[in-house]
Amino acid sequence: LHLGVANYCWFIDPSKALCLKLAGTPNATKPLAGMCD
């Protein structure tokens, strides 16, 4: 669970994380809050 100003990110499955897809970093271990949609 990553708490954000505009949402809570439940980073359970990195393969489903839109931020990682947008950044082209599918192997990241944490969400990219700056890329969050």
ModelCIF file with pLDDT and N, C-alpha, C, O atoms, coordinates in Angstrom:
data_MODEL
#
_entry.id   MODEL 
#
_entity.id                         1 
_entity.type                       polymer 
_entity.pdbx_number_of_molecules   1 
#
_entity_poly.entity_id                      1 
_entity_poly.type                           'polypeptide(L)' 
_entity_poly.nstd_linkage                   no 
_entity_poly.nstd_monomer                   no 
_entity_poly.pdbx_seq_one_letter_code       LHLGVANYCWFIDPSKALCLKLAGTPNATKPLAGMCD 
_entity_poly.pdbx_seq_one_letter_code_can   LHLGVANYCWFIDPSKALCLKLAGTPNATKPLAGMCD 
_entity_poly.pdbx_strand_id                 A 
#
loop_
_entity_poly_seq.entity_id 
_entity_poly_seq.num 
_entity_poly_seq.mon_id 
_entity_poly_seq.hetero 
1 1  LEU n 
1 2  HIS n 
1 3  LEU n 
1 4  GLY n 
1 5  VAL n 
1 6  ALA n 
1 7  ASN n 
1 8  TYR n 
1 9  CYS n 
1 10 TRP n 
1 11 PHE n 
1 12 ILE n 
1 13 ASP n 
1 14 PRO n 
1 15 SER n 
1 16 LYS n 
1 17 ALA n 
1 18 LEU n 
1 19 CYS n 
1 20 LEU n 
1 21 LYS n 
1 22 LEU n 
1 23 ALA n 
1 24 GLY n 
1 25 THR n 
1 26 PRO n 
1 27 ASN n 
1 28 ALA n 
1 29 THR n 
1 30 LYS n 
1 31 PRO n 
1 32 LEU n 
1 33 ALA n 
1 34 GLY n 
1 35 MET n 
1 36 CYS n 
1 37 ASP n 
#
_struct_asym.id          A 
_struct_asym.entity_id   1 
#
loop_
_ma_qa_metric.id 
_ma_qa_metric.mode 
_ma_qa_metric.name 
_ma_qa_metric.software_group_id 
_ma_qa_metric.type 
1 global pLDDT . pLDDT 
2 local  pLDDT . pLDDT 
#
_ma_qa_metric_global.metric_id      1 
_ma_qa_metric_global.metric_value   91.49 
_ma_qa_metric_global.model_id       1 
_ma_qa_metric_global.ordinal_id     1 
#
loop_
_ma_qa_metric_local.label_asym_id 
_ma_qa_metric_local.label_comp_id 
_ma_qa_metric_local.label_seq_id 
_ma_qa_metric_local.metric_id 
_ma_qa_metric_local.metric_value 
_ma_qa_metric_local.model_id 
_ma_qa_metric_local.ordinal_id 
A LEU 1  2 92.00 1 1  
A HIS 2  2 92.00 1 2  
A LEU 3  2 90.00 1 3  
A GLY 4  2 89.00 1 4  
A VAL 5  2 91.00 1 5  
A ALA 6  2 94.00 1 6  
A ASN 7  2 95.00 1 7  
A TYR 8  2 94.00 1 8  
A CYS 9  2 95.00 1 9  
A TRP 10 2 93.00 1 10 
A PHE 11 2 94.00 1 11 
A ILE 12 2 92.00 1 12 
A ASP 13 2 92.00 1 13 
A PRO 14 2 91.00 1 14 
A SER 15 2 91.00 1 15 
A LYS 16 2 93.00 1 16 
A ALA 17 2 93.00 1 17 
A LEU 18 2 94.00 1 18 
A CYS 19 2 94.00 1 19 
A LEU 20 2 94.00 1 20 
A LYS 21 2 93.00 1 21 
A LEU 22 2 92.00 1 22 
A ALA 23 2 93.00 1 23 
A GLY 24 2 93.00 1 24 
A THR 25 2 92.00 1 25 
A PRO 26 2 85.00 1 26 
A ASN 27 2 88.00 1 27 
A ALA 28 2 90.00 1 28 
A THR 29 2 89.00 1 29 
A LYS 30 2 91.00 1 30 
A PRO 31 2 93.00 1 31 
A LEU 32 2 92.00 1 32 
A ALA 33 2 86.00 1 33 
A GLY 34 2 85.00 1 34 
A MET 35 2 88.00 1 35 
A CYS 36 2 90.00 1 36 
A ASP 37 2 92.00 1 37 
#
loop_
_atom_site.group_PDB 
_atom_site.id 
_atom_site.type_symbol 
_atom_site.label_atom_id 
_atom_site.label_alt_id 
_atom_site.label_comp_id 
_atom_site.label_asym_id 
_atom_site.label_entity_id 
_atom_site.label_seq_id 
_atom_site.pdbx_PDB_ins_code 
_atom_site.Cartn_x 
_atom_site.Cartn_y 
_atom_site.Cartn_z 
_atom_site.occupancy 
_atom_site.B_iso_or_equiv 
_atom_site.pdbx_formal_charge 
_atom_site.auth_seq_id 
_atom_site.auth_comp_id 
_atom_site.auth_asym_id 
_atom_site.auth_atom_id 
_atom_site.pdbx_PDB_model_num 
ATOM 1   N N  . LEU A 1 1  ? 0.837  -1.201 0.000   1.00 92.00 ? 1  LEU A N  1 
ATOM 2   C CA . LEU A 1 1  ? 0.000  0.000  0.000   1.00 92.00 ? 1  LEU A CA 1 
ATOM 3   C C  . LEU A 1 1  ? 0.870  1.250  0.000   1.00 92.00 ? 1  LEU A C  1 
ATOM 4   O O  . LEU A 1 1  ? 1.710  1.437  0.880   1.00 92.00 ? 1  LEU A O  1 
ATOM 5   N N  . HIS A 1 2  ? 0.659  2.099  -0.996  1.00 92.00 ? 2  HIS A N  1 
ATOM 6   C CA . HIS A 1 2  ? 1.384  3.364  -1.113  1.00 92.00 ? 2  HIS A CA 1 
ATOM 7   C C  . HIS A 1 2  ? 0.354  4.490  -1.077  1.00 92.00 ? 2  HIS A C  1 
ATOM 8   O O  . HIS A 1 2  ? -0.510 4.578  -1.949  1.00 92.00 ? 2  HIS A O  1 
ATOM 9   N N  . LEU A 1 3  ? 0.451  5.344  -0.067  1.00 90.00 ? 3  LEU A N  1 
ATOM 10  C CA . LEU A 1 3  ? -0.513 6.413  0.128   1.00 90.00 ? 3  LEU A CA 1 
ATOM 11  C C  . LEU A 1 3  ? -0.116 7.635  -0.672  1.00 90.00 ? 3  LEU A C  1 
ATOM 12  O O  . LEU A 1 3  ? 1.007  8.129  -0.563  1.00 90.00 ? 3  LEU A O  1 
ATOM 13  N N  . GLY A 1 4  ? -1.049 8.118  -1.479  1.00 89.00 ? 4  GLY A N  1 
ATOM 14  C CA . GLY A 1 4  ? -0.793 9.293  -2.302  1.00 89.00 ? 4  GLY A CA 1 
ATOM 15  C C  . GLY A 1 4  ? -1.783 10.395 -1.993  1.00 89.00 ? 4  GLY A C  1 
ATOM 16  O O  . GLY A 1 4  ? -2.787 10.174 -1.316  1.00 89.00 ? 4  GLY A O  1 
ATOM 17  N N  . VAL A 1 5  ? -1.496 11.573 -2.488  1.00 91.00 ? 5  VAL A N  1 
ATOM 18  C CA . VAL A 1 5  ? -2.365 12.731 -2.272  1.00 91.00 ? 5  VAL A CA 1 
ATOM 19  C C  . VAL A 1 5  ? -3.697 12.553 -2.984  1.00 91.00 ? 5  VAL A C  1 
ATOM 20  O O  . VAL A 1 5  ? -4.736 12.969 -2.471  1.00 91.00 ? 5  VAL A O  1 
ATOM 21  N N  . ALA A 1 6  ? -3.675 11.937 -4.163  1.00 94.00 ? 6  ALA A N  1 
ATOM 22  C CA . ALA A 1 6  ? -4.888 11.809 -4.969  1.00 94.00 ? 6  ALA A CA 1 
ATOM 23  C C  . ALA A 1 6  ? -5.450 10.391 -5.012  1.00 94.00 ? 6  ALA A C  1 
ATOM 24  O O  . ALA A 1 6  ? -6.527 10.172 -5.566  1.00 94.00 ? 6  ALA A O  1 
ATOM 25  N N  . ASN A 1 7  ? -4.735 9.428  -4.436  1.00 95.00 ? 7  ASN A N  1 
ATOM 26  C CA . ASN A 1 7  ? -5.209 8.040  -4.469  1.00 95.00 ? 7  ASN A CA 1 
ATOM 27  C C  . ASN A 1 7  ? -4.360 7.169  -3.547  1.00 95.00 ? 7  ASN A C  1 
ATOM 28  O O  . ASN A 1 7  ? -3.323 7.594  -3.039  1.00 95.00 ? 7  ASN A O  1 
ATOM 29  N N  . TYR A 1 8  ? -4.829 5.950  -3.350  1.00 94.00 ? 8  TYR A N  1 
ATOM 30  C CA . TYR A 1 8  ? -4.031 4.917  -2.698  1.00 94.00 ? 8  TYR A CA 1 
ATOM 31  C C  . TYR A 1 8  ? -3.645 3.924  -3.787  1.00 94.00 ? 8  TYR A C  1 
ATOM 32  O O  . TYR A 1 8  ? -4.484 3.504  -4.584  1.00 94.00 ? 8  TYR A O  1 
ATOM 33  N N  . CYS A 1 9  ? -2.379 3.556  -3.810  1.00 95.00 ? 9  CYS A N  1 
ATOM 34  C CA . CYS A 1 9  ? -1.884 2.589  -4.791  1.00 95.00 ? 9  CYS A CA 1 
ATOM 35  C C  . CYS A 1 9  ? -1.684 1.254  -4.087  1.00 95.00 ? 9  CYS A C  1 
ATOM 36  O O  . CYS A 1 9  ? -0.888 1.145  -3.154  1.00 95.00 ? 9  CYS A O  1 
ATOM 37  N N  . TRP A 1 10 ? -2.411 0.245  -4.541  1.00 93.00 ? 10 TRP A N  1 
ATOM 38  C CA . TRP A 1 10 ? -2.272 -1.111 -4.016  1.00 93.00 ? 10 TRP A CA 1 
ATOM 39  C C  . TRP A 1 10 ? -1.359 -1.848 -4.981  1.00 93.00 ? 10 TRP A C  1 
ATOM 40  O O  . TRP A 1 10 ? -1.835 -2.520 -5.897  1.00 93.00 ? 10 TRP A O  1 
ATOM 41  N N  . PHE A 1 11 ? -0.070 -1.730 -4.785  1.00 94.00 ? 11 PHE A N  1 
ATOM 42  C CA . PHE A 1 11 ? 0.947  -2.241 -5.697  1.00 94.00 ? 11 PHE A CA 1 
ATOM 43  C C  . PHE A 1 11 ? 1.135  -3.743 -5.470  1.00 94.00 ? 11 PHE A C  1 
ATOM 44  O O  . PHE A 1 11 ? 2.203  -4.201 -5.064  1.00 94.00 ? 11 PHE A O  1 
ATOM 45  N N  . ILE A 1 12 ? 0.078  -4.485 -5.741  1.00 92.00 ? 12 ILE A N  1 
ATOM 46  C CA . ILE A 1 12 ? 0.064  -5.928 -5.500  1.00 92.00 ? 12 ILE A CA 1 
ATOM 47  C C  . ILE A 1 12 ? 0.671  -6.684 -6.670  1.00 92.00 ? 12 ILE A C  1 
ATOM 48  O O  . ILE A 1 12 ? 1.430  -7.634 -6.481  1.00 92.00 ? 12 ILE A O  1 
ATOM 49  N N  . ASP A 1 13 ? 0.329  -6.255 -7.881  1.00 92.00 ? 13 ASP A N  1 
ATOM 50  C CA . ASP A 1 13 ? 0.806  -6.939 -9.084  1.00 92.00 ? 13 ASP A CA 1 
ATOM 51  C C  . ASP A 1 13 ? 1.478  -5.924 -10.006 1.00 92.00 ? 13 ASP A C  1 
ATOM 52  O O  . ASP A 1 13 ? 0.790  -5.216 -10.741 1.00 92.00 ? 13 ASP A O  1 
ATOM 53  N N  . PRO A 1 14 ? 2.807  -5.838 -9.981  1.00 91.00 ? 14 PRO A N  1 
ATOM 54  C CA . PRO A 1 14 ? 3.506  -4.862 -10.818 1.00 91.00 ? 14 PRO A CA 1 
ATOM 55  C C  . PRO A 1 14 ? 3.163  -4.961 -12.305 1.00 91.00 ? 14 PRO A C  1 
ATOM 56  O O  . PRO A 1 14 ? 3.239  -3.962 -13.020 1.00 91.00 ? 14 PRO A O  1 
ATOM 57  N N  . SER A 1 15 ? 2.791  -6.136 -12.775 1.00 91.00 ? 15 SER A N  1 
ATOM 58  C CA . SER A 1 15 ? 2.459  -6.278 -14.199 1.00 91.00 ? 15 SER A CA 1 
ATOM 59  C C  . SER A 1 15 ? 1.182  -5.528 -14.570 1.00 91.00 ? 15 SER A C  1 
ATOM 60  O O  . SER A 1 15 ? 0.937  -5.277 -15.749 1.00 91.00 ? 15 SER A O  1 
ATOM 61  N N  . LYS A 1 16 ? 0.374  -5.172 -13.587 1.00 93.00 ? 16 LYS A N  1 
ATOM 62  C CA . LYS A 1 16 ? -0.861 -4.419 -13.834 1.00 93.00 ? 16 LYS A CA 1 
ATOM 63  C C  . LYS A 1 16 ? -0.703 -2.922 -13.579 1.00 93.00 ? 16 LYS A C  1 
ATOM 64  O O  . LYS A 1 16 ? -1.637 -2.155 -13.814 1.00 93.00 ? 16 LYS A O  1 
ATOM 65  N N  . ALA A 1 17 ? 0.451  -2.505 -13.109 1.00 93.00 ? 17 ALA A N  1 
ATOM 66  C CA . ALA A 1 17 ? 0.673  -1.100 -12.760 1.00 93.00 ? 17 ALA A CA 1 
ATOM 67  C C  . ALA A 1 17 ? 0.825  -0.251 -14.016 1.00 93.00 ? 17 ALA A C  1 
ATOM 68  O O  . ALA A 1 17 ? 1.784  -0.411 -14.770 1.00 93.00 ? 17 ALA A O  1 
ATOM 69  N N  . LEU A 1 18 ? -0.113 0.642  -14.231 1.00 94.00 ? 18 LEU A N  1 
ATOM 70  C CA . LEU A 1 18 ? -0.090 1.499  -15.405 1.00 94.00 ? 18 LEU A CA 1 
ATOM 71  C C  . LEU A 1 18 ? 1.154  2.385  -15.425 1.00 94.00 ? 18 LEU A C  1 
ATOM 72  O O  . LEU A 1 18 ? 1.714  2.633  -16.493 1.00 94.00 ? 18 LEU A O  1 
ATOM 73  N N  . CYS A 1 19 ? 1.592  2.862  -14.265 1.00 94.00 ? 19 CYS A N  1 
ATOM 74  C CA . CYS A 1 19 ? 2.779  3.724  -14.223 1.00 94.00 ? 19 CYS A CA 1 
ATOM 75  C C  . CYS A 1 19 ? 4.010  3.008  -14.769 1.00 94.00 ? 19 CYS A C  1 
ATOM 76  O O  . CYS A 1 19 ? 4.820  3.618  -15.468 1.00 94.00 ? 19 CYS A O  1 
ATOM 77  N N  . LEU A 1 20 ? 4.156  1.737  -14.462 1.00 94.00 ? 20 LEU A N  1 
ATOM 78  C CA . LEU A 1 20 ? 5.309  0.981  -14.957 1.00 94.00 ? 20 LEU A CA 1 
ATOM 79  C C  . LEU A 1 20 ? 5.221  0.741  -16.461 1.00 94.00 ? 20 LEU A C  1 
ATOM 80  O O  . LEU A 1 20 ? 6.227  0.764  -17.170 1.00 94.00 ? 20 LEU A O  1 
ATOM 81  N N  . LYS A 1 21 ? 3.999  0.511  -16.929 1.00 93.00 ? 21 LYS A N  1 
ATOM 82  C CA . LYS A 1 21 ? 3.804  0.336  -18.369 1.00 93.00 ? 21 LYS A CA 1 
ATOM 83  C C  . LYS A 1 21 ? 4.131  1.619  -19.116 1.00 93.00 ? 21 LYS A C  1 
ATOM 84  O O  . LYS A 1 21 ? 4.804  1.592  -20.147 1.00 93.00 ? 21 LYS A O  1 
ATOM 85  N N  . LEU A 1 22 ? 3.652  2.747  -18.593 1.00 92.00 ? 22 LEU A N  1 
ATOM 86  C CA . LEU A 1 22 ? 3.906  4.038  -19.242 1.00 92.00 ? 22 LEU A CA 1 
ATOM 87  C C  . LEU A 1 22 ? 5.391  4.378  -19.255 1.00 92.00 ? 22 LEU A C  1 
ATOM 88  O O  . LEU A 1 22 ? 5.890  4.962  -20.217 1.00 92.00 ? 22 LEU A O  1 
ATOM 89  N N  . ALA A 1 23 ? 6.096  4.013  -18.191 1.00 93.00 ? 23 ALA A N  1 
ATOM 90  C CA . ALA A 1 23 ? 7.524  4.327  -18.088 1.00 93.00 ? 23 ALA A CA 1 
ATOM 91  C C  . ALA A 1 23 ? 8.403  3.289  -18.774 1.00 93.00 ? 23 ALA A C  1 
ATOM 92  O O  . ALA A 1 23 ? 9.598  3.516  -18.964 1.00 93.00 ? 23 ALA A O  1 
ATOM 93  N N  . GLY A 1 24 ? 7.824  2.157  -19.144 1.00 93.00 ? 24 GLY A N  1 
ATOM 94  C CA . GLY A 1 24 ? 8.613  1.100  -19.768 1.00 93.00 ? 24 GLY A CA 1 
ATOM 95  C C  . GLY A 1 24 ? 9.549  0.412  -18.791 1.00 93.00 ? 24 GLY A C  1 
ATOM 96  O O  . GLY A 1 24 ? 10.629 -0.043 -19.166 1.00 93.00 ? 24 GLY A O  1 
ATOM 97  N N  . THR A 1 25 ? 9.125  0.338  -17.523 1.00 92.00 ? 25 THR A N  1 
ATOM 98  C CA . THR A 1 25 ? 9.944  -0.305 -16.486 1.00 92.00 ? 25 THR A CA 1 
ATOM 99  C C  . THR A 1 25 ? 9.136  -1.401 -15.795 1.00 92.00 ? 25 THR A C  1 
ATOM 100 O O  . THR A 1 25 ? 8.788  -1.258 -14.623 1.00 92.00 ? 25 THR A O  1 
ATOM 101 N N  . PRO A 1 26 ? 8.835  -2.481 -16.493 1.00 85.00 ? 26 PRO A N  1 
ATOM 102 C CA . PRO A 1 26 ? 7.972  -3.525 -15.926 1.00 85.00 ? 26 PRO A CA 1 
ATOM 103 C C  . PRO A 1 26 ? 8.584  -4.277 -14.747 1.00 85.00 ? 26 PRO A C  1 
ATOM 104 O O  . PRO A 1 26 ? 7.858  -4.963 -14.027 1.00 85.00 ? 26 PRO A O  1 
ATOM 105 N N  . ASN A 1 27 ? 9.884  -4.171 -14.529 1.00 88.00 ? 27 ASN A N  1 
ATOM 106 C CA . ASN A 1 27 ? 10.528 -4.909 -13.447 1.00 88.00 ? 27 ASN A CA 1 
ATOM 107 C C  . ASN A 1 27 ? 10.738 -4.076 -12.186 1.00 88.00 ? 27 ASN A C  1 
ATOM 108 O O  . ASN A 1 27 ? 11.396 -4.533 -11.251 1.00 88.00 ? 27 ASN A O  1 
ATOM 109 N N  . ALA A 1 28 ? 10.195 -2.877 -12.145 1.00 90.00 ? 28 ALA A N  1 
ATOM 110 C CA . ALA A 1 28 ? 10.353 -2.036 -10.961 1.00 90.00 ? 28 ALA A CA 1 
ATOM 111 C C  . ALA A 1 28 ? 9.661  -2.678 -9.764  1.00 90.00 ? 28 ALA A C  1 
ATOM 112 O O  . ALA A 1 28 ? 8.682  -3.407 -9.921  1.00 90.00 ? 28 ALA A O  1 
ATOM 113 N N  . THR A 1 29 ? 10.171 -2.406 -8.586  1.00 89.00 ? 29 THR A N  1 
ATOM 114 C CA . THR A 1 29 ? 9.622  -3.011 -7.371  1.00 89.00 ? 29 THR A CA 1 
ATOM 115 C C  . THR A 1 29 ? 8.740  -2.054 -6.586  1.00 89.00 ? 29 THR A C  1 
ATOM 116 O O  . THR A 1 29 ? 8.142  -2.441 -5.581  1.00 89.00 ? 29 THR A O  1 
ATOM 117 N N  . LYS A 1 30 ? 8.653  -0.806 -7.037  1.00 91.00 ? 30 LYS A N  1 
ATOM 118 C CA . LYS A 1 30 ? 7.798  0.189  -6.387  1.00 91.00 ? 30 LYS A CA 1 
ATOM 119 C C  . LYS A 1 30 ? 7.082  0.983  -7.465  1.00 91.00 ? 30 LYS A C  1 
ATOM 120 O O  . LYS A 1 30 ? 7.587  1.116  -8.580  1.00 91.00 ? 30 LYS A O  1 
ATOM 121 N N  . PRO A 1 31 ? 5.906  1.512  -7.139  1.00 93.00 ? 31 PRO A N  1 
ATOM 122 C CA . PRO A 1 31 ? 5.199  2.318  -8.137  1.00 93.00 ? 31 PRO A CA 1 
ATOM 123 C C  . PRO A 1 31 ? 5.931  3.629  -8.400  1.00 93.00 ? 31 PRO A C  1 
ATOM 124 O O  . PRO A 1 31 ? 6.703  4.103  -7.567  1.00 93.00 ? 31 PRO A O  1 
ATOM 125 N N  . LEU A 1 32 ? 5.677  4.199  -9.557  1.00 92.00 ? 32 LEU A N  1 
ATOM 126 C CA . LEU A 1 32 ? 6.261  5.481  -9.934  1.00 92.00 ? 32 LEU A CA 1 
ATOM 127 C C  . LEU A 1 32 ? 5.193  6.553  -9.744  1.00 92.00 ? 32 LEU A C  1 
ATOM 128 O O  . LEU A 1 32 ? 4.426  6.842  -10.663 1.00 92.00 ? 32 LEU A O  1 
ATOM 129 N N  . ALA A 1 33 ? 5.148  7.132  -8.567  1.00 86.00 ? 33 ALA A N  1 
ATOM 130 C CA . ALA A 1 33 ? 4.083  8.066  -8.210  1.00 86.00 ? 33 ALA A CA 1 
ATOM 131 C C  . ALA A 1 33 ? 3.974  9.224  -9.190  1.00 86.00 ? 33 ALA A C  1 
ATOM 132 O O  . ALA A 1 33 ? 2.869  9.694  -9.463  1.00 86.00 ? 33 ALA A O  1 
ATOM 133 N N  . GLY A 1 34 ? 5.083  9.686  -9.717  1.00 85.00 ? 34 GLY A N  1 
ATOM 134 C CA . GLY A 1 34 ? 5.060  10.793 -10.665 1.00 85.00 ? 34 GLY A CA 1 
ATOM 135 C C  . GLY A 1 34 ? 4.435  10.444 -12.001 1.00 85.00 ? 34 GLY A C  1 
ATOM 136 O O  . GLY A 1 34 ? 4.056  11.335 -12.761 1.00 85.00 ? 34 GLY A O  1 
ATOM 137 N N  . MET A 1 35 ? 4.323  9.166  -12.292 1.00 88.00 ? 35 MET A N  1 
ATOM 138 C CA . MET A 1 35 ? 3.735  8.698  -13.547 1.00 88.00 ? 35 MET A CA 1 
ATOM 139 C C  . MET A 1 35 ? 2.313  8.176  -13.344 1.00 88.00 ? 35 MET A C  1 
ATOM 140 O O  . MET A 1 35 ? 1.694  7.678  -14.284 1.00 88.00 ? 35 MET A O  1 
ATOM 141 N N  . CYS A 1 36 ? 1.805  8.287  -12.144 1.00 90.00 ? 36 CYS A N  1 
ATOM 142 C CA . CYS A 1 36 ? 0.510  7.698  -11.806 1.00 90.00 ? 36 CYS A CA 1 
ATOM 143 C C  . CYS A 1 36 ? -0.645 8.368  -12.556 1.00 90.00 ? 36 CYS A C  1 
ATOM 144 O O  . CYS A 1 36 ? -0.770 9.593  -12.571 1.00 90.00 ? 36 CYS A O  1 
ATOM 145 N N  . ASP A 1 37 ? -1.468 7.553  -13.164 1.00 92.00 ? 37 ASP A N  1 
ATOM 146 C CA . ASP A 1 37 ? -2.734 7.996  -13.746 1.00 92.00 ? 37 ASP A CA 1 
ATOM 147 C C  . ASP A 1 37 ? -3.796 7.157  -13.052 1.00 92.00 ? 37 ASP A C  1 
ATOM 148 O O  . ASP A 1 37 ? -4.984 7.305  -13.338 1.00 92.00 ? 37 ASP A O  1 
#
